[in-house]
C-alpha atoms as a PDB file:
ATOM      1  CA  MET A   1      24.703  -3.688 -38.345  1.00  0.00           C
ATOM      2  CA  THR A   2      24.673  -7.325 -37.168  1.00  0.00           C
ATOM      3  CA  ASP A   3      23.411  -8.479 -33.783  1.00  0.00           C
ATOM      4  CA  GLN A   4      26.987  -9.238 -32.751  1.00  0.00           C
ATOM      5  CA  THR A   5      28.110  -5.741 -33.576  1.00  0.00           C
ATOM      6  CA  MET A   6      25.125  -4.302 -31.595  1.00  0.00           C
ATOM      7  CA  THR A   7      25.833  -6.321 -28.546  1.00  0.00           C
ATOM      8  CA  ASP A   8      29.587  -5.535 -28.749  1.00  0.00           C
ATOM      9  CA  GLN A   9      28.680  -1.880 -28.293  1.00  0.00           C
ATOM     10  CA  ILE A  10      26.686  -2.363 -25.096  1.00  0.00           C
ATOM     11  CA  ASP A  11      28.577  -1.799 -21.855  1.00  0.00           C
ATOM     12  CA  PHE A  12      27.651  -4.746 -19.594  1.00  0.00           C
ATOM     13  CA  ASN A  13      30.184  -3.755 -16.843  1.00  0.00           C
ATOM     14  CA  LEU A  14      28.618  -3.377 -13.466  1.00  0.00           C
ATOM     15  CA  ASP A  15      29.367  -0.159 -11.542  1.00  0.00           C
ATOM     16  CA  THR A  16      31.328  -1.669  -8.665  1.00  0.00           C
ATOM     17  CA  GLN A  17      31.006   1.572  -6.663  1.00  0.00           C
ATOM     18  CA  ASN A  18      27.225   1.290  -6.711  1.00  0.00           C
ATOM     19  CA  LEU A  19      26.342  -2.312  -5.800  1.00  0.00           C
ATOM     20  CA  TYR A  20      23.209  -3.275  -3.824  1.00  0.00           C
ATOM     21  CA  ARG A  21      21.784  -6.523  -2.494  1.00  0.00           C
ATOM     22  CA  GLU A  22      18.023  -6.723  -2.963  1.00  0.00           C
ATOM     23  CA  GLU A  23      15.400  -8.039  -0.500  1.00  0.00           C
ATOM     24  CA  SER A  24      11.698  -8.134  -1.313  1.00  0.00           C
ATOM     25  CA  TYR A  25       8.770  -8.081   1.061  1.00  0.00           C
ATOM     26  CA  THR A  26       5.123  -8.447   0.113  1.00  0.00           C
ATOM     27  CA  ASP A  27       1.676  -8.894   1.713  1.00  0.00           C
ATOM     28  CA  LEU A  28       0.513 -10.686  -1.462  1.00  0.00           C
ATOM     29  CA  LYS A  29      -2.302  -8.088  -1.751  1.00  0.00           C
ATOM     30  CA  ALA A  30      -1.461  -4.428  -1.864  1.00  0.00           C
ATOM     31  CA  GLY A  31       2.030  -4.510  -3.127  1.00  0.00           C
ATOM     32  CA  ALA A  32       5.717  -5.063  -2.353  1.00  0.00           C
ATOM     33  CA  ILE A  33       8.628  -3.240  -0.863  1.00  0.00           C
ATOM     34  CA  ARG A  34      12.120  -3.740  -2.284  1.00  0.00           C
ATOM     35  CA  ARG A  35      14.993  -3.057   0.191  1.00  0.00           C
ATOM     36  CA  LEU A  36      18.277  -2.244  -1.602  1.00  0.00           C
ATOM     37  CA  ILE A  37      21.161  -2.734   0.733  1.00  0.00           C
ATOM     38  CA  PRO A  38      24.559  -1.226  -0.379  1.00  0.00           C
ATOM     39  CA  VAL A  39      27.427  -3.767  -0.503  1.00  0.00           C
ATOM     40  CA  LYS A  40      31.121  -3.726  -1.240  1.00  0.00           C
ATOM     41  CA  THR A  41      32.650  -5.707  -4.001  1.00  0.00           C
ATOM     42  CA  ASP A  42      33.253  -8.595  -1.623  1.00  0.00           C
ATOM     43  CA  GLY A  43      29.494  -8.760  -0.830  1.00  0.00           C
ATOM     44  CA  THR A  44      29.690  -7.437   2.672  1.00  0.00           C
ATOM     45  CA  ASP A  45      27.366  -4.540   3.637  1.00  0.00           C
ATOM     46  CA  ASP A  46      28.636  -1.050   2.871  1.00  0.00           C
ATOM     47  CA  SER A  47      27.509   0.912   5.923  1.00  0.00           C
ATOM     48  CA  ALA A  48      28.859   4.158   4.370  1.00  0.00           C
ATOM     49  CA  LYS A  49      25.844   4.289   2.071  1.00  0.00           C
ATOM     50  CA  ALA A  50      22.138   4.423   2.966  1.00  0.00           C
ATOM     51  CA  GLU A  51      19.683   1.702   2.164  1.00  0.00           C
ATOM     52  CA  ILE A  52      17.133   2.500  -0.562  1.00  0.00           C
ATOM     53  CA  PHE A  53      13.439   1.460  -0.326  1.00  0.00           C
ATOM     54  CA  VAL A  54      11.165   1.099  -3.379  1.00  0.00           C
ATOM     55  CA  GLY A  55       7.453   0.444  -3.291  1.00  0.00           C
ATOM     56  CA  THR A  56       5.611  -1.298  -6.162  1.00  0.00           C
ATOM     57  CA  THR A  57       1.994  -2.205  -6.792  1.00  0.00           C
ATOM     58  CA  GLN A  58      -0.299  -2.888  -9.660  1.00  0.00           C
ATOM     59  CA  LEU A  59      -3.487  -1.242 -10.809  1.00  0.00           C
ATOM     60  CA  LEU A  60      -5.946  -3.488 -12.612  1.00  0.00           C
ATOM     61  CA  THR A  61      -7.206  -1.891 -15.860  1.00  0.00           C
ATOM     62  CA  PRO A  62      -9.307  -3.282 -18.740  1.00  0.00           C
ATOM     63  CA  GLU A  63      -6.073  -3.657 -20.734  1.00  0.00           C
ATOM     64  CA  GLY A  64      -4.421  -5.585 -17.874  1.00  0.00           C
ATOM     65  CA  PRO A  65      -2.258  -4.817 -14.846  1.00  0.00           C
ATOM     66  CA  LEU A  66      -0.423  -1.451 -14.828  1.00  0.00           C
ATOM     67  CA  PRO A  67       2.718  -1.356 -12.597  1.00  0.00           C
ATOM     68  CA  VAL A  68       3.201   1.545 -10.226  1.00  0.00           C
ATOM     69  CA  GLN A  69       6.633   2.150  -8.605  1.00  0.00           C
ATOM     70  CA  ALA A  70       7.977   4.916  -6.334  1.00  0.00           C
ATOM     71  CA  ARG A  71      10.959   5.448  -4.155  1.00  0.00           C
ATOM     72  CA  LEU A  72       9.959   5.353  -0.450  1.00  0.00           C
ATOM     73  CA  MET A  73      11.602   8.103   1.477  1.00  0.00           C
ATOM     74  CA  ALA A  74      12.440   5.968   4.586  1.00  0.00           C
ATOM     75  CA  ASN A  75      15.458   5.411   6.777  1.00  0.00           C
ATOM     76  CA  ASN A  76      14.413   1.826   7.806  1.00  0.00           C
ATOM     77  CA  PHE A  77      11.907  -0.891   6.841  1.00  0.00           C
ATOM     78  CA  GLN A  78       9.343   0.204   9.484  1.00  0.00           C
ATOM     79  CA  GLU A  79       9.331   3.695   8.039  1.00  0.00           C
ATOM     80  CA  ALA A  80       8.998   2.275   4.543  1.00  0.00           C
ATOM     81  CA  LEU A  81       5.891   0.396   5.710  1.00  0.00           C
ATOM     82  CA  GLN A  82       4.383   3.588   7.021  1.00  0.00           C
ATOM     83  CA  VAL A  83       5.070   5.705   3.934  1.00  0.00           C
ATOM     84  CA  PHE A  84       4.097   3.028   1.403  1.00  0.00           C
ATOM     85  CA  PRO A  85       0.332   3.938   1.030  1.00  0.00           C
ATOM     86  CA  GLY A  86       0.973   7.587   0.540  1.00  0.00           C
ATOM     87  CA  ALA A  87       3.864   7.128  -1.925  1.00  0.00           C
ATOM     88  CA  MET A  88       1.710   4.686  -3.959  1.00  0.00           C
ATOM     89  CA  ARG A  89      -1.209   7.116  -3.953  1.00  0.00           C
ATOM     90  CA  GLN A  90       1.067  10.011  -5.108  1.00  0.00           C
ATOM     91  CA  ALA A  91       2.772   7.831  -7.755  1.00  0.00           C
ATOM     92  CA  THR A  92      -0.706   6.805  -9.014  1.00  0.00           C
ATOM     93  CA  HIS A  93      -1.829  10.470  -9.177  1.00  0.00           C
ATOM     94  CA  GLU A  94       1.250  11.438 -11.124  1.00  0.00           C
ATOM     95  CA  MET A  95       0.893   8.551 -13.590  1.00  0.00           C
ATOM     96  CA  ILE A  96      -2.681   9.354 -14.231  1.00  0.00           C
ATOM     97  CA  ALA A  97      -1.730  13.055 -14.864  1.00  0.00           C
ATOM     98  CA  GLN A  98       0.969  11.910 -17.249  1.00  0.00           C
ATOM     99  CA  LEU A  99      -1.461   9.670 -19.052  1.00  0.00           C
ATOM    100  CA  GLU A 100      -4.083  12.430 -19.384  1.00  0.00           C
ATOM    101  CA  GLU A 101      -1.427  14.743 -20.813  1.00  0.00           C
ATOM    102  CA  MET A 102      -0.363  12.062 -23.315  1.00  0.00           C
ATOM    103  CA  GLN A 103      -4.066  11.624 -24.308  1.00  0.00           C
ATOM    104  CA  LYS A 104      -4.385  15.406 -24.869  1.00  0.00           C
ATOM    105  CA  LYS A 105      -1.336  15.507 -27.108  1.00  0.00           C
ATOM    106  CA  TYR A 106      -2.445  12.421 -29.055  1.00  0.00           C
ATOM    107  CA  LYS A 107      -5.904  13.885 -29.475  1.00  0.00           C
ATOM    108  CA  GLN A 108      -4.588  17.195 -30.694  1.00  0.00           C
ATOM    109  CA  LYS A 109      -2.300  15.459 -33.170  1.00  0.00           C
ATOM    110  CA  GLU A 110      -5.351  13.384 -34.451  1.00  0.00           C
ATOM    111  CA  ASP A 111      -7.614  16.452 -34.574  1.00  0.00           C
ATOM    112  CA  SER A 112      -5.095  18.286 -36.613  1.00  0.00           C
ATOM    113  CA  ARG A 113      -5.352  15.529 -39.330  1.00  0.00           C
ATOM    114  CA  ILE A 114      -9.088  16.124 -39.763  1.00  0.00           C
ATOM    115  CA  ILE A 115      -9.738  17.880 -43.129  1.00  0.00           C
ATOM    116  CA  VAL A 116     -12.826  20.161 -42.978  1.00  0.00           C
ATOM    117  CA  PRO A 117     -14.310  21.027 -46.367  1.00  0.00           C
ATOM    118  CA  GLY A 118     -14.333  24.758 -47.133  1.00  0.00           C
ATOM    119  CA  GLN A 119     -11.484  25.649 -44.796  1.00  0.00           C
END
């Protein structure tokens, strides 16, 4: 399959019923909050839909920065600021649990490849 054929099969049409304008706020230390404001196809605000807030931060690891992202359950920017620390903490805990589970599965797979003489 050629590159042209592959790109012809990708649907690049935007969902015009689900458009958002994005604003970003950061303290340049702990992280950032993305505010997604619903808009109509003419670019005006769509007050029939709720805004969405997403928090992002990075954890520094020996392998480099690890991004952490979570939806902030907030009705306005002030609430998003208040729930940001807890949401980032929860997302970090969930990510660590997922990584530990992946490590266990990988270790089990590797252990199963060990050949023990006499068995």
